[in-house]
């Protein structure tokens, strides 16, 4: 209990929030790494997942690929990338992409593939092009599942982005590595608590966005009017 109190006191110390190595700077770096990885993963995974879900081809390959990618140890990929690329933030971004792409790819594929086939056939019957079918029919149906995949990706990346400190002087993971090196256990625990708090805040924000998206795509039906007496 005393260690937890020491960690909270470490976080509350204003001196630890300022400067180039302060909590504020490390928080911005952590968010920057997370945002870059999620954006790059979206550029790769979403178009591929939507295309495969629309054509209904290579679905088994998506399942196999995502399962295999999730089994790859992120620290091992980071070590190999660090040995190849050297010190810097590029190596952890590559390692985190291996972690980030599978859930987003699976969400995009599953969401688009879950669109009602009869609705898709009806859209083709009235003359909509394949692109229009994707945009007007399949993506609205897939949006909640895609959002869930995005939410899962963000949480996994923000938690694992602490490894960025392994090859780069960036992110909240620096507090864990610095505390371990100097046996400053309150600093280590403070770094872990900051990551947990950041993950909870992001999850709450994404959950709110997901609920609003669900309400927008699935508005409540109007209440039936009562017959006048």
C-alpha atoms as a PDB file:
ATOM      1  CA  UNK A   1       0.000   0.000   0.000  1.00  0.00           C
ATOM      2  CA  UNK A   2       2.868   2.356   0.784  1.00  0.00           C
ATOM      3  CA  UNK A   3       4.323   1.735  -2.670  1.00  0.00           C
ATOM      4  CA  UNK A   4       1.025   2.740  -4.270  1.00  0.00           C
ATOM      5  CA  UNK A   5       0.892   5.897  -2.180  1.00  0.00           C
ATOM      6  CA  UNK A   6       4.487   6.691  -3.139  1.00  0.00           C
ATOM      7  CA  UNK A   7       3.600   6.227  -6.820  1.00  0.00           C
ATOM      8  CA  UNK A   8       0.599   8.525  -6.508  1.00  0.00           C
ATOM      9  CA  UNK A   9       2.759  11.097  -4.734  1.00  0.00           C
ATOM     10  CA  UNK A  10       5.300  10.799  -7.552  1.00  0.00           C
ATOM     11  CA  UNK A  11       2.587  11.536 -10.117  1.00  0.00           C
ATOM     12  CA  UNK A  12       1.226  14.431  -8.078  1.00  0.00           C
ATOM     13  CA  UNK A  13       4.640  16.084  -7.783  1.00  0.00           C
ATOM     14  CA  UNK A  14       4.552  19.154 -10.098  1.00  0.00           C
ATOM     15  CA  UNK A  15       8.279  18.774 -10.744  1.00  0.00           C
ATOM     16  CA  UNK A  16       7.610  15.527 -12.618  1.00  0.00           C
ATOM     17  CA  UNK A  17       5.226  17.205 -15.081  1.00  0.00           C
ATOM     18  CA  UNK A  18       7.602  19.767 -16.572  1.00  0.00           C
ATOM     19  CA  UNK A  19      10.696  19.602 -18.735  1.00  0.00           C
ATOM     20  CA  UNK A  20      11.705  17.477 -21.684  1.00  0.00           C
ATOM     21  CA  UNK A  21      11.430  14.275 -19.650  1.00  0.00           C
ATOM     22  CA  UNK A  22       8.292  15.206 -17.696  1.00  0.00           C
ATOM     23  CA  UNK A  23       4.960  13.435 -17.653  1.00  0.00           C
ATOM     24  CA  UNK A  24       3.382  15.961 -20.025  1.00  0.00           C
ATOM     25  CA  UNK A  25       6.051  15.441 -22.676  1.00  0.00           C
ATOM     26  CA  UNK A  26       6.017  11.654 -22.296  1.00  0.00           C
ATOM     27  CA  UNK A  27       2.227  11.614 -22.535  1.00  0.00           C
ATOM     28  CA  UNK A  28       2.295  13.543 -25.801  1.00  0.00           C
ATOM     29  CA  UNK A  29       4.959  11.184 -27.170  1.00  0.00           C
ATOM     30  CA  UNK A  30       2.934   8.143 -26.133  1.00  0.00           C
ATOM     31  CA  UNK A  31      -0.170   9.490 -27.829  1.00  0.00           C
ATOM     32  CA  UNK A  32       1.878  10.362 -30.903  1.00  0.00           C
ATOM     33  CA  UNK A  33       3.237   6.828 -31.265  1.00  0.00           C
ATOM     34  CA  UNK A  34      -0.229   5.353 -30.665  1.00  0.00           C
ATOM     35  CA  UNK A  35      -1.884   7.690 -33.165  1.00  0.00           C
ATOM     36  CA  UNK A  36       0.737   7.037 -35.842  1.00  0.00           C
ATOM     37  CA  UNK A  37       0.435   3.265 -35.479  1.00  0.00           C
ATOM     38  CA  UNK A  38      -3.373   3.270 -35.508  1.00  0.00           C
ATOM     39  CA  UNK A  39      -3.470   5.591 -38.547  1.00  0.00           C
ATOM     40  CA  UNK A  40      -1.015   3.448 -40.502  1.00  0.00           C
ATOM     41  CA  UNK A  41      -2.859   0.273 -39.536  1.00  0.00           C
ATOM     42  CA  UNK A  42      -6.133   1.809 -40.696  1.00  0.00           C
ATOM     43  CA  UNK A  43      -4.628   2.758 -44.065  1.00  0.00           C
ATOM     44  CA  UNK A  44      -3.588  -0.856 -44.597  1.00  0.00           C
ATOM     45  CA  UNK A  45      -6.282  -2.897 -42.867  1.00  0.00           C
ATOM     46  CA  UNK A  46      -9.517  -1.048 -43.606  1.00  0.00           C
ATOM     47  CA  UNK A  47      -9.357  -1.022 -47.448  1.00  0.00           C
ATOM     48  CA  UNK A  48      -8.196  -4.652 -47.528  1.00  0.00           C
ATOM     49  CA  UNK A  49     -10.814  -5.780 -45.020  1.00  0.00           C
ATOM     50  CA  UNK A  50     -13.624  -3.931 -46.810  1.00  0.00           C
ATOM     51  CA  UNK A  51     -12.585  -5.336 -50.187  1.00  0.00           C
ATOM     52  CA  UNK A  52     -12.420  -8.910 -48.895  1.00  0.00           C
ATOM     53  CA  UNK A  53     -15.695  -8.562 -47.024  1.00  0.00           C
ATOM     54  CA  UNK A  54     -17.422  -7.168 -50.117  1.00  0.00           C
ATOM     55  CA  UNK A  55     -16.195  -9.836 -52.519  1.00  0.00           C
ATOM     56  CA  UNK A  56     -16.514 -12.653 -49.928  1.00  0.00           C
ATOM     57  CA  UNK A  57     -13.166 -13.983 -51.147  1.00  0.00           C
ATOM     58  CA  UNK A  58     -10.101 -14.923 -49.079  1.00  0.00           C
ATOM     59  CA  UNK A  59     -12.089 -14.788 -45.847  1.00  0.00           C
ATOM     60  CA  UNK A  60     -10.309 -17.887 -44.553  1.00  0.00           C
ATOM     61  CA  UNK A  61      -6.969 -16.248 -45.322  1.00  0.00           C
ATOM     62  CA  UNK A  62      -7.948 -13.252 -43.189  1.00  0.00           C
ATOM     63  CA  UNK A  63      -8.770 -15.520 -40.257  1.00  0.00           C
ATOM     64  CA  UNK A  64      -5.509 -17.430 -40.649  1.00  0.00           C
ATOM     65  CA  UNK A  65      -3.411 -14.284 -41.048  1.00  0.00           C
ATOM     66  CA  UNK A  66      -4.924 -12.440 -38.110  1.00  0.00           C
ATOM     67  CA  UNK A  67      -4.571 -15.475 -35.858  1.00  0.00           C
ATOM     68  CA  UNK A  68      -0.935 -15.967 -36.812  1.00  0.00           C
ATOM     69  CA  UNK A  69      -0.114 -12.266 -36.405  1.00  0.00           C
ATOM     70  CA  UNK A  70      -1.610 -12.181 -32.919  1.00  0.00           C
ATOM     71  CA  UNK A  71       0.677 -15.044 -31.901  1.00  0.00           C
ATOM     72  CA  UNK A  72       3.808 -13.116 -32.877  1.00  0.00           C
ATOM     73  CA  UNK A  73       5.562 -11.673 -29.783  1.00  0.00           C
ATOM     74  CA  UNK A  74       5.727  -7.895 -30.083  1.00  0.00           C
ATOM     75  CA  UNK A  75       8.950  -7.655 -28.078  1.00  0.00           C
ATOM     76  CA  UNK A  76      10.618 -10.144 -30.401  1.00  0.00           C
ATOM     77  CA  UNK A  77       9.572  -8.171 -33.475  1.00  0.00           C
ATOM     78  CA  UNK A  78      10.761  -4.983 -31.811  1.00  0.00           C
ATOM     79  CA  UNK A  79      14.151  -6.520 -31.033  1.00  0.00           C
ATOM     80  CA  UNK A  80      14.623  -7.667 -34.620  1.00  0.00           C
ATOM     81  CA  UNK A  81      13.472  -4.319 -36.006  1.00  0.00           C
ATOM     82  CA  UNK A  82      15.747  -2.489 -33.583  1.00  0.00           C
ATOM     83  CA  UNK A  83      18.760  -4.561 -34.636  1.00  0.00           C
ATOM     84  CA  UNK A  84      17.936  -3.872 -38.278  1.00  0.00           C
ATOM     85  CA  UNK A  85      16.957  -0.192 -38.098  1.00  0.00           C
ATOM     86  CA  UNK A  86      18.875   0.899 -35.018  1.00  0.00           C
ATOM     87  CA  UNK A  87      17.823   3.255 -32.263  1.00  0.00           C
ATOM     88  CA  UNK A  88      14.722   5.325 -32.984  1.00  0.00           C
ATOM     89  CA  UNK A  89      10.945   5.291 -33.079  1.00  0.00           C
ATOM     90  CA  UNK A  90      10.626   3.505 -36.445  1.00  0.00           C
ATOM     91  CA  UNK A  91      11.350   0.066 -34.964  1.00  0.00           C
ATOM     92  CA  UNK A  92       8.579   0.204 -32.342  1.00  0.00           C
ATOM     93  CA  UNK A  93       6.124   1.543 -34.908  1.00  0.00           C
ATOM     94  CA  UNK A  94       6.814  -1.472 -37.137  1.00  0.00           C
ATOM     95  CA  UNK A  95       6.465  -3.857 -34.195  1.00  0.00           C
ATOM     96  CA  UNK A  96       3.218  -2.255 -33.081  1.00  0.00           C
ATOM     97  CA  UNK A  97       1.812  -2.415 -36.612  1.00  0.00           C
ATOM     98  CA  UNK A  98       2.054  -6.206 -36.430  1.00  0.00           C
ATOM     99  CA  UNK A  99      -0.120  -5.965 -33.326  1.00  0.00           C
ATOM    100  CA  UNK A 100      -2.516  -3.312 -34.651  1.00  0.00           C
ATOM    101  CA  UNK A 101      -3.401  -4.575 -38.126  1.00  0.00           C
ATOM    102  CA  UNK A 102      -5.090  -7.929 -37.249  1.00  0.00           C
ATOM    103  CA  UNK A 103      -8.006  -6.671 -35.106  1.00  0.00           C
ATOM    104  CA  UNK A 104      -8.735  -3.802 -37.485  1.00  0.00           C
ATOM    105  CA  UNK A 105      -8.571  -6.092 -40.522  1.00  0.00           C
ATOM    106  CA  UNK A 106     -10.837  -8.660 -38.859  1.00  0.00           C
ATOM    107  CA  UNK A 107     -13.325  -5.970 -37.840  1.00  0.00           C
ATOM    108  CA  UNK A 108     -13.530  -4.467 -41.327  1.00  0.00           C
ATOM    109  CA  UNK A 109     -13.904  -7.862 -42.975  1.00  0.00           C
ATOM    110  CA  UNK A 110     -16.479  -9.185 -40.496  1.00  0.00           C
ATOM    111  CA  UNK A 111     -18.476  -5.968 -40.549  1.00  0.00           C
ATOM    112  CA  UNK A 112     -18.813  -5.723 -44.322  1.00  0.00           C
ATOM    113  CA  UNK A 113     -19.412  -9.468 -44.708  1.00  0.00           C
ATOM    114  CA  UNK A 114     -22.245  -9.262 -42.155  1.00  0.00           C
ATOM    115  CA  UNK A 115     -24.343  -6.991 -44.375  1.00  0.00           C
ATOM    116  CA  UNK A 116     -27.700  -8.529 -45.286  1.00  0.00           C
ATOM    117  CA  UNK A 117     -27.246 -10.330 -48.655  1.00  0.00           C
ATOM    118  CA  UNK A 118     -30.835  -9.580 -49.681  1.00  0.00           C
ATOM    119  CA  UNK A 119     -30.226  -5.860 -49.149  1.00  0.00           C
ATOM    120  CA  UNK A 120     -27.031  -6.036 -51.196  1.00  0.00           C
ATOM    121  CA  UNK A 121     -28.833  -7.905 -53.993  1.00  0.00           C
ATOM    122  CA  UNK A 122     -31.614  -5.347 -53.965  1.00  0.00           C
ATOM    123  CA  UNK A 123     -29.069  -2.553 -54.289  1.00  0.00           C
ATOM    124  CA  UNK A 124     -27.570  -4.270 -57.320  1.00  0.00           C
ATOM    125  CA  UNK A 125     -31.024  -4.762 -58.797  1.00  0.00           C
ATOM    126  CA  UNK A 126     -31.778  -1.048 -58.739  1.00  0.00           C
ATOM    127  CA  UNK A 127     -28.524  -0.317 -60.582  1.00  0.00           C
ATOM    128  CA  UNK A 128     -26.057   0.709 -57.848  1.00  0.00           C
ATOM    129  CA  UNK A 129     -22.421   0.169 -58.705  1.00  0.00           C
ATOM    130  CA  UNK A 130     -20.195  -1.980 -56.497  1.00  0.00           C
ATOM    131  CA  UNK A 131     -18.588   1.134 -55.025  1.00  0.00           C
ATOM    132  CA  UNK A 132     -21.992   2.626 -54.241  1.00  0.00           C
ATOM    133  CA  UNK A 133     -23.071  -0.636 -52.608  1.00  0.00           C
ATOM    134  CA  UNK A 134     -20.010  -0.548 -50.368  1.00  0.00           C
ATOM    135  CA  UNK A 135     -20.506   3.091 -49.393  1.00  0.00           C
ATOM    136  CA  UNK A 136     -24.291   3.216 -49.058  1.00  0.00           C
ATOM    137  CA  UNK A 137     -25.188  -0.293 -47.900  1.00  0.00           C
ATOM    138  CA  UNK A 138     -22.296  -2.293 -46.484  1.00  0.00           C
ATOM    139  CA  UNK A 139     -20.277   0.348 -44.646  1.00  0.00           C
ATOM    140  CA  UNK A 140     -23.258   1.684 -42.628  1.00  0.00           C
ATOM    141  CA  UNK A 141     -24.039  -1.886 -41.565  1.00  0.00           C
ATOM    142  CA  UNK A 142     -20.379  -2.561 -40.803  1.00  0.00           C
ATOM    143  CA  UNK A 143     -19.669   0.689 -38.931  1.00  0.00           C
ATOM    144  CA  UNK A 144     -20.368  -0.638 -35.383  1.00  0.00           C
ATOM    145  CA  UNK A 145     -18.129  -3.681 -35.904  1.00  0.00           C
ATOM    146  CA  UNK A 146     -15.398  -1.572 -37.507  1.00  0.00           C
ATOM    147  CA  UNK A 147     -15.617   0.815 -34.552  1.00  0.00           C
ATOM    148  CA  UNK A 148     -15.281  -2.109 -32.155  1.00  0.00           C
ATOM    149  CA  UNK A 149     -12.178  -3.260 -34.019  1.00  0.00           C
ATOM    150  CA  UNK A 150     -10.747   0.253 -33.849  1.00  0.00           C
ATOM    151  CA  UNK A 151     -11.437   0.395 -30.137  1.00  0.00           C
ATOM    152  CA  UNK A 152      -9.688  -2.927 -29.559  1.00  0.00           C
ATOM    153  CA  UNK A 153      -6.736  -1.813 -31.662  1.00  0.00           C
ATOM    154  CA  UNK A 154      -6.283   1.471 -29.795  1.00  0.00           C
ATOM    155  CA  UNK A 155      -6.342  -0.239 -26.397  1.00  0.00           C
ATOM    156  CA  UNK A 156      -3.812  -2.876 -27.434  1.00  0.00           C
ATOM    157  CA  UNK A 157      -1.488  -0.319 -28.976  1.00  0.00           C
ATOM    158  CA  UNK A 158      -1.647   2.221 -26.148  1.00  0.00           C
ATOM    159  CA  UNK A 159      -0.843  -0.515 -23.625  1.00  0.00           C
ATOM    160  CA  UNK A 160       2.003  -2.004 -25.660  1.00  0.00           C
ATOM    161  CA  UNK A 161       3.455   1.339 -26.774  1.00  0.00           C
ATOM    162  CA  UNK A 162       5.454   1.321 -23.544  1.00  0.00           C
ATOM    163  CA  UNK A 163       7.875  -0.879 -25.506  1.00  0.00           C
ATOM    164  CA  UNK A 164       8.751   2.173 -27.618  1.00  0.00           C
ATOM    165  CA  UNK A 165      11.090   3.162 -24.796  1.00  0.00           C
ATOM    166  CA  UNK A 166      13.107   0.009 -25.521  1.00  0.00           C
ATOM    167  CA  UNK A 167      14.681   1.516 -28.637  1.00  0.00           C
ATOM    168  CA  UNK A 168      13.634   5.175 -28.418  1.00  0.00           C
ATOM    169  CA  UNK A 169      13.564   7.836 -25.749  1.00  0.00           C
ATOM    170  CA  UNK A 170       9.814   8.275 -26.088  1.00  0.00           C
ATOM    171  CA  UNK A 171       6.567   7.532 -24.323  1.00  0.00           C
ATOM    172  CA  UNK A 172       5.422   6.685 -20.839  1.00  0.00           C
ATOM    173  CA  UNK A 173       7.472   3.510 -20.961  1.00  0.00           C
ATOM    174  CA  UNK A 174      10.547   5.612 -20.147  1.00  0.00           C
ATOM    175  CA  UNK A 175       9.345   5.795 -16.551  1.00  0.00           C
ATOM    176  CA  UNK A 176       9.213   2.004 -16.336  1.00  0.00           C
ATOM    177  CA  UNK A 177      12.687   1.516 -17.807  1.00  0.00           C
ATOM    178  CA  UNK A 178      14.239   4.375 -15.826  1.00  0.00           C
ATOM    179  CA  UNK A 179      12.648   3.153 -12.616  1.00  0.00           C
ATOM    180  CA  UNK A 180      13.819  -0.394 -13.230  1.00  0.00           C
ATOM    181  CA  UNK A 181      17.360   0.752 -13.976  1.00  0.00           C
ATOM    182  CA  UNK A 182      17.617   2.895 -10.837  1.00  0.00           C
ATOM    183  CA  UNK A 183      15.369   0.677  -8.657  1.00  0.00           C
ATOM    184  CA  UNK A 184      12.981   3.573  -8.287  1.00  0.00           C
ATOM    185  CA  UNK A 185       9.893   1.411  -7.866  1.00  0.00           C
ATOM    186  CA  UNK A 186       7.460   4.287  -7.190  1.00  0.00           C
ATOM    187  CA  UNK A 187       8.462   5.730 -10.579  1.00  0.00           C
ATOM    188  CA  UNK A 188       7.917   2.337 -12.231  1.00  0.00           C
ATOM    189  CA  UNK A 189       4.478   1.949 -10.692  1.00  0.00           C
ATOM    190  CA  UNK A 190       3.644   5.559 -11.545  1.00  0.00           C
ATOM    191  CA  UNK A 191       4.469   4.897 -15.185  1.00  0.00           C
ATOM    192  CA  UNK A 192       2.239   1.818 -15.190  1.00  0.00           C
ATOM    193  CA  UNK A 193      -0.611   3.741 -13.561  1.00  0.00           C
ATOM    194  CA  UNK A 194      -0.323   6.515 -16.135  1.00  0.00           C
ATOM    195  CA  UNK A 195      -0.596   3.989 -18.971  1.00  0.00           C
ATOM    196  CA  UNK A 196      -3.637   2.378 -17.352  1.00  0.00           C
ATOM    197  CA  UNK A 197      -5.278   5.771 -16.829  1.00  0.00           C
ATOM    198  CA  UNK A 198      -4.603   6.784 -20.428  1.00  0.00           C
ATOM    199  CA  UNK A 199      -6.065   3.495 -21.692  1.00  0.00           C
ATOM    200  CA  UNK A 200      -9.202   3.985 -19.579  1.00  0.00           C
ATOM    201  CA  UNK A 201      -9.689   7.546 -20.833  1.00  0.00           C
ATOM    202  CA  UNK A 202      -9.283   6.512 -24.465  1.00  0.00           C
ATOM    203  CA  UNK A 203     -11.583   3.534 -24.002  1.00  0.00           C
ATOM    204  CA  UNK A 204     -14.262   5.744 -22.456  1.00  0.00           C
ATOM    205  CA  UNK A 205     -13.969   8.246 -25.310  1.00  0.00           C
ATOM    206  CA  UNK A 206     -14.180   5.518 -27.957  1.00  0.00           C
ATOM    207  CA  UNK A 207     -17.097   3.839 -26.160  1.00  0.00           C
ATOM    208  CA  UNK A 208     -18.959   7.147 -26.178  1.00  0.00           C
ATOM    209  CA  UNK A 209     -18.220   7.574 -29.881  1.00  0.00           C
ATOM    210  CA  UNK A 210     -19.396   4.032 -30.555  1.00  0.00           C
ATOM    211  CA  UNK A 211     -22.690   4.589 -28.742  1.00  0.00           C
ATOM    212  CA  UNK A 212     -23.313   7.812 -30.632  1.00  0.00           C
ATOM    213  CA  UNK A 213     -22.553   6.052 -33.910  1.00  0.00           C
ATOM    214  CA  UNK A 214     -24.980   3.265 -33.048  1.00  0.00           C
ATOM    215  CA  UNK A 215     -27.733   5.776 -32.258  1.00  0.00           C
ATOM    216  CA  UNK A 216     -27.066   7.642 -35.472  1.00  0.00           C
ATOM    217  CA  UNK A 217     -27.166   4.531 -37.637  1.00  0.00           C
ATOM    218  CA  UNK A 218     -30.028   2.903 -35.768  1.00  0.00           C
ATOM    219  CA  UNK A 219     -32.425   5.646 -34.675  1.00  0.00           C
ATOM    220  CA  UNK A 220     -35.166   4.619 -32.317  1.00  0.00           C
ATOM    221  CA  UNK A 221     -38.505   3.973 -33.901  1.00  0.00           C
ATOM    222  CA  UNK A 222     -41.119   6.621 -33.141  1.00  0.00           C
ATOM    223  CA  UNK A 223     -43.588   5.702 -30.457  1.00  0.00           C
ATOM    224  CA  UNK A 224     -47.026   4.673 -31.853  1.00  0.00           C
ATOM    225  CA  UNK A 225     -49.689   7.298 -31.574  1.00  0.00           C
ATOM    226  CA  UNK A 226     -52.498   6.563 -29.187  1.00  0.00           C
ATOM    227  CA  UNK A 227     -55.977   6.490 -30.590  1.00  0.00           C
ATOM    228  CA  UNK A 228     -58.028   9.397 -29.486  1.00  0.00           C
ATOM    229  CA  UNK A 229     -60.812   8.471 -27.093  1.00  0.00           C
END
